Protein backbone atom coordinates (compact mmCIF):
# COMPACT_ATOMS: atom_id res chain seq x y z
CA MET A 1 121.92 124.20 318.71
CA HIS A 2 121.27 121.95 321.68
CA TYR A 3 123.64 119.54 323.31
CA ASN A 4 123.70 115.82 324.24
CA SER A 5 121.79 116.02 327.54
CA TYR A 6 118.69 114.42 326.05
CA GLN A 7 120.51 111.30 325.02
CA PRO A 8 120.29 108.32 327.45
CA ALA A 9 123.32 108.22 329.70
CA LYS A 10 123.61 104.41 330.05
CA ASP A 11 125.22 102.64 327.18
CA GLY A 12 122.58 99.93 326.88
CA GLU A 13 119.72 102.38 326.94
CA PHE A 14 121.55 104.62 324.44
CA ILE A 15 121.97 101.80 321.96
CA VAL A 16 118.25 100.78 322.19
CA TRP A 17 117.34 104.45 321.66
CA ALA A 18 119.67 104.90 318.67
CA GLN A 19 118.52 101.65 317.08
CA ASN A 20 114.90 102.70 317.34
CA ILE A 21 115.58 106.04 315.66
CA CYS A 22 117.81 104.37 313.01
CA SER A 23 115.17 101.75 312.02
CA LYS A 24 112.52 104.58 311.74
CA CYS A 25 114.86 106.62 309.50
CA VAL A 26 115.53 103.68 307.25
CA ALA A 27 111.80 102.89 306.95
CA ASN A 28 110.85 106.57 306.38
CA GLN A 29 113.83 107.85 304.43
CA THR A 30 111.82 109.03 301.44
CA ALA A 31 108.72 110.32 303.29
CA TRP A 32 111.03 112.29 305.74
CA ASN A 33 113.23 113.64 302.97
CA LEU A 34 116.38 112.22 304.54
CA SER A 35 119.69 112.05 302.77
CA LYS A 36 120.78 108.58 301.67
CA ASP A 37 124.30 109.26 302.63
CA GLU A 38 123.31 110.31 306.17
CA VAL A 39 121.00 107.30 306.69
CA THR A 40 123.82 104.98 305.46
CA GLU A 41 126.32 106.62 307.80
CA PHE A 42 123.78 106.36 310.69
CA THR A 43 123.32 102.65 310.14
CA ASP A 44 127.10 102.04 309.89
CA LEU A 45 127.82 103.97 313.07
CA GLU A 46 124.91 102.32 314.88
CA SER A 47 126.03 98.85 313.80
CA ASP A 48 129.59 99.58 314.95
CA ALA A 49 128.48 100.73 318.31
CA ALA A 50 126.03 97.84 318.85
CA TYR A 51 128.81 95.32 317.94
CA ALA A 52 131.30 96.95 320.37
CA ALA A 53 128.74 96.99 323.13
CA ASP A 54 127.97 93.30 322.55
CA GLN A 55 131.50 92.01 323.05
CA ASN A 56 131.90 88.83 325.15
CA PRO A 57 132.96 90.00 328.66
CA GLU A 58 135.56 87.17 328.75
CA THR A 59 137.29 88.71 325.69
CA LYS A 60 137.32 92.35 326.79
CA ASN A 61 140.71 94.02 327.01
CA ARG A 62 142.17 97.45 326.76
CA GLN A 63 141.78 97.44 322.90
CA THR A 64 138.21 96.45 322.84
CA LYS A 65 137.47 99.02 325.50
CA ARG A 66 139.01 101.77 323.37
CA ARG A 67 137.15 100.54 320.33
CA LYS A 68 133.90 100.71 322.14
CA GLN A 69 134.59 104.18 323.46
CA LYS A 70 135.41 105.43 319.94
CA ALA A 71 132.30 103.76 318.45
CA PHE A 72 130.07 105.39 321.02
CA ALA A 73 131.72 108.77 320.77
CA ASP A 74 131.36 108.71 316.92
CA LEU A 75 127.74 107.71 317.09
CA LYS A 76 126.83 110.26 319.74
CA GLU A 77 128.60 113.11 317.89
CA PHE A 78 126.69 112.25 314.75
CA MET A 79 123.37 111.90 316.55
CA ALA A 80 123.75 115.28 318.29
CA ARG A 81 123.88 116.87 314.79
CA PHE A 82 121.52 114.51 312.96
CA THR A 83 118.68 114.47 315.55
CA ASN A 84 118.89 118.26 315.93
CA ALA A 85 118.09 118.52 312.20
CA MET A 86 115.35 115.95 312.48
CA GLU A 87 113.61 118.02 315.07
CA TYR A 88 113.57 120.93 312.63
CA ASN A 89 112.59 118.73 309.68
CA THR A 90 108.89 119.56 309.07
CA ALA A 91 108.50 116.41 306.94
CA ILE A 92 108.67 114.41 310.18
CA PRO A 93 105.32 114.51 312.12
CA ASP A 94 105.44 115.92 315.67
CA ASN A 95 104.18 112.54 317.10
CA ASP A 96 107.05 110.72 315.53
CA ILE A 97 109.52 113.20 316.86
CA GLU A 98 108.29 112.59 320.40
CA ALA A 99 107.87 108.81 319.91
CA MET A 100 111.56 108.64 319.01
CA GLY A 101 112.51 110.38 322.34
CA LEU A 102 113.52 113.58 320.71
CA ARG A 103 112.91 117.04 322.16
CA PRO A 104 109.48 118.56 321.35
CA ARG A 105 109.75 121.19 318.75
CA ALA A 106 108.53 123.89 321.24
CA HIS A 107 112.03 123.56 322.75
CA HIS A 108 113.52 125.27 319.73
CA HIS A 109 111.11 128.17 319.46
CA HIS A 110 113.49 130.48 321.30
CA GLU A 111 116.55 129.31 319.17
CA PRO A 112 116.22 130.84 315.69
CA ASP A 113 118.80 129.77 313.27
CA LYS A 114 120.21 132.18 310.78
CA ILE A 115 119.60 131.29 307.14
CA PRO A 116 122.86 131.16 305.23
CA ASP A 117 123.63 134.41 303.43
CA GLU A 118 126.27 133.26 300.92
CA ALA A 119 126.47 130.66 298.20
CA PRO A 120 129.13 127.93 298.17
CA GLY A 121 131.41 127.21 295.31
CA ALA A 122 130.58 124.06 293.45
CA THR A 123 132.69 121.62 291.51
CA VAL A 124 131.88 118.31 289.79
CA VAL A 125 133.97 115.21 289.19
CA THR A 126 132.41 112.91 286.63
CA GLY A 127 133.13 109.20 286.82
CA GLN A 128 133.19 106.65 284.03
CA HIS A 129 130.35 104.43 285.21
CA HIS A 130 127.36 106.72 285.45
CA ASP A 131 128.57 108.19 288.72
CA MET A 132 129.24 111.76 289.69
CA ASP A 133 130.70 113.58 292.81
CA ILE A 134 129.48 117.11 293.56
CA TYR A 135 131.47 119.15 295.98
CA ALA A 136 130.75 122.41 297.83
CA SER A 137 133.80 124.52 298.60
CA VAL A 138 134.53 126.96 301.34
CA PRO A 139 136.80 130.08 301.15
CA GLN A 140 140.51 129.25 301.03
CA PHE A 141 141.16 130.22 304.59
CA GLY A 142 140.47 127.84 307.48
CA HIS A 143 139.47 124.22 307.75
CA ALA A 144 136.12 123.25 306.24
CA THR A 145 134.62 121.74 309.38
CA GLU A 146 135.60 124.73 311.53
CA TYR A 147 134.27 127.08 308.81
CA LEU A 148 130.86 125.40 308.82
CA LYS A 149 130.76 125.39 312.63
CA ARG A 150 131.74 129.12 312.84
CA LYS A 151 129.03 130.01 310.30
CA GLY A 152 126.39 127.86 311.94
CA TYR A 153 125.81 125.82 308.74
CA TYR A 154 124.52 122.22 309.02
CA GLY A 155 125.52 121.05 305.54
CA ILE A 156 124.59 121.35 301.98
CA VAL A 157 121.65 120.69 299.64
CA VAL A 158 122.44 119.65 296.06
CA ARG A 159 119.73 120.42 293.46
CA THR A 160 119.83 118.67 290.17
CA ARG A 161 117.73 118.34 287.00
CA LYS A 162 118.35 116.09 284.01
CA ASP A 163 117.53 116.95 280.40
CA GLY A 164 113.77 116.71 279.89
CA GLU A 165 112.85 117.13 283.51
CA GLU A 166 110.77 120.00 284.79
CA GLU A 167 111.15 119.44 288.49
CA TRP A 168 114.35 119.87 290.53
CA HIS A 169 115.57 117.05 292.87
CA ASP A 170 117.15 117.92 296.13
CA GLN A 171 119.64 115.78 298.08
CA TYR A 172 120.89 116.88 301.59
CA SER A 173 124.12 116.04 303.24
CA THR A 174 126.09 117.04 306.27
CA ARG A 175 129.25 116.42 304.32
CA LEU A 176 130.80 118.76 301.65
CA HIS A 177 130.00 116.39 298.84
CA VAL A 178 127.25 114.10 297.43
CA THR A 179 127.79 111.11 295.21
CA MET A 180 125.22 110.40 292.58
CA ILE A 181 124.68 107.20 290.61
CA PHE A 182 122.68 107.23 287.45
CA ASP A 183 121.01 104.61 285.37
CA ALA A 184 122.45 103.41 282.05
CA GLU A 185 119.71 105.10 280.06
CA ASP A 186 120.85 108.48 281.52
CA GLU A 187 124.21 108.26 279.72
CA GLY A 188 124.63 111.15 277.29
CA LYS A 189 122.15 113.44 279.09
CA TYR A 190 123.20 116.77 280.58
CA LEU A 191 122.62 117.40 284.32
CA THR A 192 122.05 120.87 285.73
CA ILE A 193 123.53 121.27 289.18
CA THR A 194 123.38 123.92 291.86
CA VAL A 195 124.33 123.88 295.56
CA ALA A 196 123.40 125.80 298.65
CA TRP A 197 124.30 125.79 302.34
CA ILE A 198 121.66 124.74 304.82
CA ASN A 199 121.10 125.54 308.47
CA PRO A 200 119.87 123.00 311.03
CA ARG A 201 116.23 123.75 310.05
CA MET A 202 117.12 122.57 306.51
CA GLN A 203 116.60 126.14 305.22
CA ALA A 204 118.76 126.95 302.20
CA GLY A 205 120.66 130.04 301.47
CA PRO A 206 121.56 131.43 298.05
CA TRP A 207 122.32 128.94 295.26
CA SER A 208 125.62 128.59 293.55
CA ASP A 209 125.97 129.29 289.81
CA GLU A 210 124.51 126.47 287.77
CA ILE A 211 126.77 123.83 286.38
CA HIS A 212 125.83 121.82 283.31
CA THR A 213 127.72 118.56 282.87
CA LEU A 214 127.38 115.38 280.85
CA ILE A 215 126.47 112.10 282.45
CA ASN A 216 129.03 109.42 281.16
């Protein structure tokens, strides 16, 4: 996985660069097979950093400086992971990758990523208003974030299929859970769920055992 050297060093240039990528991700979320959770997180972090950078110089103090430093650090850490996965995402055309100021895909040809070789555990928490939280679990030992980093995993893909559907639907996330919201007409239907780890190339490993649960 590459580091942050490709990111613009100056704050003003970094914000413009991040805003350009964020707007393109929002506009192409479906076509590029991007996770709704990740795009939402991206827009929130980008907005926080842009707001912090736009503070009136006359009102700046130690607190606003710390807030800006944290906002930028959070956004840069997110983008280091997110843009790395974008460069591997074959749904995004090469010309768009380069137009966004990301590294050409040839940069990664010497950096193969191991495909996950184990399946995560999976649990489901069903809400009362057509919502559902799906969690991937790691072995009992160690912290989840450190476990994923050590294994080289980027996140999870949750695959679902409702009663009557023939095709599976995939949702990707860098977090260990995905929240799903269903329509009122889905109430009473059963949902089949399975989860897998993914690497930065969005390649999935083995799938967890299927879970069948009712949509409330």
